Amino acid sequence: MLNKILVAIDDSTMSRKVFEAGLSLAKRTGASLMLLHVLSSEEKDNPSPFIYSDLKYNPNVEPILEAYREQWQKFEQQGREFLQSLTEEATKAGVKTEFKQTVGYPGRNICELAQTWSAELILVGSRGLTGLKEMFLGSVSNYVTHHAPCSVLIVRSDAEEVQLPKNDTQLLRY
């Protein structure tokens, strides 16, 4: 029987599938959910101070840094609002849910939270990258699979629907 499921969320379209799989599994097992969003440079809307100006040609750096701070705060707020909306949805469905947002490398942060929160299962999405793309772009799901302190369920982007076991006996076989 599962008690704690960690669901890794990002800004991709996969996040919805990962969340729904985690919610469905939590409802069936009575587990609580922890939703985690890691703010990282890998996200498409991550603000970068270098997009605002070429710092070496601008002697007045303060406006550039202020613009970056504002964009970063907006980025953080959007992440929190997304997590809050998913938490409310899960809570309305009868699942005890909390969330956390951190900054850093997603794979490492997911594994660290799984360890400190004593997660029994991690759900993470996969974009299906292979070969050179995976090697150069990195793979959060690959990192988590190899470093997680518990079982990992990878929700693939090409999967039309996550098929969960019909009962707890089947769940224990996975």
Protein backbone atom coordinates (compact mmCIF):
# COMPACT_ATOMS: atom_id res chain seq x y z
CA MET A 1 0.00 0.00 0.00
CA LEU A 2 1.30 3.43 -0.90
CA ASN A 3 1.17 6.30 1.57
CA LYS A 4 3.22 9.05 -0.10
CA ILE A 5 3.52 9.83 -3.80
CA LEU A 6 5.81 12.58 -5.11
CA VAL A 7 4.64 14.06 -8.41
CA ALA A 8 7.23 16.09 -10.33
CA ILE A 9 5.63 18.95 -12.26
CA ASP A 10 7.18 21.33 -14.79
CA ASP A 11 5.88 23.78 -17.38
CA SER A 12 5.43 21.16 -20.10
CA THR A 13 2.20 19.73 -21.46
CA MET A 14 3.26 16.40 -19.91
CA SER A 15 2.68 17.78 -16.43
CA ARG A 16 -1.07 17.38 -16.76
CA LYS A 17 -0.72 13.67 -17.62
CA VAL A 18 1.73 13.14 -14.77
CA PHE A 19 -0.57 14.92 -12.32
CA GLU A 20 -3.63 12.96 -13.45
CA ALA A 21 -1.77 9.65 -13.13
CA GLY A 22 -0.61 10.62 -9.62
CA LEU A 23 -4.08 11.75 -8.59
CA SER A 24 -5.68 8.56 -9.89
CA LEU A 25 -3.14 6.40 -8.11
CA ALA A 26 -3.50 8.37 -4.85
CA LYS A 27 -7.29 8.05 -4.96
CA ARG A 28 -7.02 4.28 -5.43
CA THR A 29 -4.44 3.71 -2.72
CA GLY A 30 -5.36 6.40 -0.19
CA ALA A 31 -1.91 7.97 -0.54
CA SER A 32 -1.14 11.64 -0.07
CA LEU A 33 0.51 13.67 -2.81
CA MET A 34 3.44 16.03 -2.81
CA LEU A 35 3.58 18.15 -5.96
CA LEU A 36 7.06 19.45 -6.75
CA HIS A 37 8.02 22.11 -9.26
CA VAL A 38 11.72 22.83 -9.71
CA LEU A 39 12.51 26.23 -11.19
CA SER A 40 15.44 25.63 -13.51
CA SER A 41 17.21 26.92 -16.57
CA GLU A 42 15.76 23.96 -18.49
CA GLU A 43 12.26 25.45 -18.47
CA LYS A 44 11.26 27.37 -21.58
CA ASP A 45 10.07 30.52 -19.76
CA ASN A 46 13.00 30.72 -17.35
CA PRO A 47 14.23 34.34 -17.28
CA SER A 48 17.88 34.92 -18.01
CA PRO A 49 19.73 38.14 -17.20
CA PHE A 50 21.54 37.88 -20.51
CA ILE A 51 18.43 38.32 -22.63
CA TYR A 52 17.95 41.87 -21.39
CA SER A 53 21.23 43.34 -22.56
CA ASP A 54 24.87 42.73 -23.29
CA LEU A 55 26.30 43.55 -19.86
CA LYS A 56 29.79 44.47 -21.05
CA TYR A 57 28.43 47.30 -23.23
CA ASN A 58 26.06 48.70 -20.65
CA PRO A 59 27.68 50.63 -17.79
CA ASN A 60 24.33 50.96 -16.00
CA VAL A 61 23.62 47.37 -14.98
CA GLU A 62 21.02 48.13 -12.30
CA PRO A 63 18.02 48.47 -14.68
CA ILE A 64 18.98 45.17 -16.30
CA LEU A 65 19.18 43.41 -12.95
CA GLU A 66 15.88 44.95 -11.84
CA ALA A 67 14.17 43.72 -15.02
CA TYR A 68 15.62 40.26 -14.37
CA ARG A 69 14.37 40.28 -10.75
CA GLU A 70 10.89 41.25 -11.90
CA GLN A 71 10.84 38.48 -14.51
CA TRP A 72 12.12 35.95 -11.98
CA GLN A 73 9.42 36.91 -9.46
CA LYS A 74 6.80 36.52 -12.19
CA PHE A 75 8.27 33.12 -13.10
CA GLU A 76 8.13 31.99 -9.45
CA GLN A 77 4.58 33.28 -9.01
CA GLN A 78 3.33 31.46 -12.11
CA GLY A 79 4.83 28.23 -10.76
CA ARG A 80 3.20 28.71 -7.35
CA GLU A 81 -0.18 29.49 -8.90
CA PHE A 82 0.01 26.37 -11.07
CA LEU A 83 0.88 24.22 -8.05
CA GLN A 84 -1.89 25.81 -5.97
CA SER A 85 -4.49 25.10 -8.66
CA LEU A 86 -3.43 21.45 -8.91
CA THR A 87 -3.41 21.15 -5.11
CA GLU A 88 -6.94 22.53 -4.93
CA GLU A 89 -8.07 20.11 -7.64
CA ALA A 90 -6.58 17.12 -5.82
CA THR A 91 -7.98 18.25 -2.47
CA LYS A 92 -11.48 18.56 -3.98
CA ALA A 93 -11.04 14.99 -5.25
CA GLY A 94 -10.43 13.89 -1.67
CA VAL A 95 -6.65 13.48 -1.82
CA LYS A 96 -4.47 15.06 0.85
CA THR A 97 -2.06 17.18 -1.18
CA GLU A 98 0.73 19.65 -0.52
CA PHE A 99 3.24 21.30 -2.80
CA LYS A 100 6.77 22.61 -2.85
CA GLN A 101 8.66 24.77 -5.31
CA THR A 102 12.45 24.77 -5.34
CA VAL A 103 15.26 26.14 -7.50
CA GLY A 104 18.02 24.01 -9.02
CA TYR A 105 18.62 20.90 -11.07
CA PRO A 106 15.28 19.04 -11.33
CA GLY A 107 16.60 15.47 -11.08
CA ARG A 108 18.64 16.14 -7.97
CA ASN A 109 15.89 18.17 -6.29
CA ILE A 110 13.29 15.47 -6.98
CA CYS A 111 15.47 12.78 -5.43
CA GLU A 112 16.36 14.93 -2.41
CA LEU A 113 12.72 15.73 -1.66
CA ALA A 114 11.75 12.08 -2.13
CA GLN A 115 14.37 11.22 0.50
CA THR A 116 13.43 13.91 3.05
CA TRP A 117 9.66 13.50 2.59
CA SER A 118 9.96 9.67 2.67
CA ALA A 119 8.16 9.22 -0.65
CA GLU A 120 7.33 5.67 -1.62
CA LEU A 121 6.82 6.44 -5.29
CA ILE A 122 7.90 9.22 -7.65
CA LEU A 123 5.93 10.08 -10.77
CA VAL A 124 7.88 11.95 -13.43
CA GLY A 125 7.23 12.70 -17.08
CA SER A 126 9.41 11.85 -20.03
CA ARG A 127 9.59 13.66 -23.35
CA GLY A 128 10.87 10.52 -25.02
CA LEU A 129 14.32 11.85 -25.89
CA THR A 130 16.84 9.23 -26.93
CA GLY A 131 20.37 9.03 -28.20
CA LEU A 132 22.25 12.28 -28.73
CA LYS A 133 19.27 14.49 -27.83
CA GLU A 134 19.04 12.82 -24.42
CA MET A 135 22.80 13.03 -23.92
CA PHE A 136 23.04 16.73 -24.76
CA LEU A 137 19.72 17.95 -23.41
CA GLY A 138 19.79 15.73 -20.36
CA SER A 139 17.06 13.56 -19.01
CA VAL A 140 15.44 14.27 -15.69
CA SER A 141 13.58 10.97 -15.75
CA ASN A 142 16.83 9.10 -16.43
CA TYR A 143 18.57 10.82 -13.51
CA VAL A 144 15.65 10.16 -11.16
CA THR A 145 15.43 6.52 -12.21
CA HIS A 146 19.08 5.98 -11.29
CA HIS A 147 19.25 8.06 -8.10
CA ALA A 148 15.81 7.88 -6.47
CA PRO A 149 15.49 6.42 -2.98
CA CYS A 150 12.19 4.75 -3.98
CA SER A 151 10.30 3.37 -6.96
CA VAL A 152 9.79 5.60 -10.00
CA LEU A 153 6.91 5.61 -12.46
CA ILE A 154 7.69 7.35 -15.74
CA VAL A 155 4.74 8.76 -17.64
CA ARG A 156 5.69 8.89 -21.31
CA SER A 157 4.59 11.59 -23.72
CA ASP A 158 3.61 9.05 -26.37
CA ALA A 159 1.34 7.18 -23.98
CA GLU A 160 -2.27 7.95 -24.82
CA GLU A 161 -3.52 6.98 -21.40
CA VAL A 162 -1.83 5.71 -18.28
CA GLN A 163 -3.18 2.25 -17.48
CA LEU A 164 -3.30 1.77 -13.75
CA PRO A 165 -3.97 -1.60 -12.10
CA LYS A 166 -7.62 -2.33 -11.29
CA ASN A 167 -6.91 -3.34 -7.69
CA ASP A 168 -4.22 -3.22 -5.02
CA THR A 169 -3.17 -6.84 -5.66
CA GLN A 170 -2.21 -5.95 -9.24
CA LEU A 171 -0.50 -2.78 -8.01
CA LEU A 172 1.82 -4.77 -5.78
CA ARG A 173 3.03 -6.78 -8.78
CA TYR A 174 4.47 -3.70 -10.51
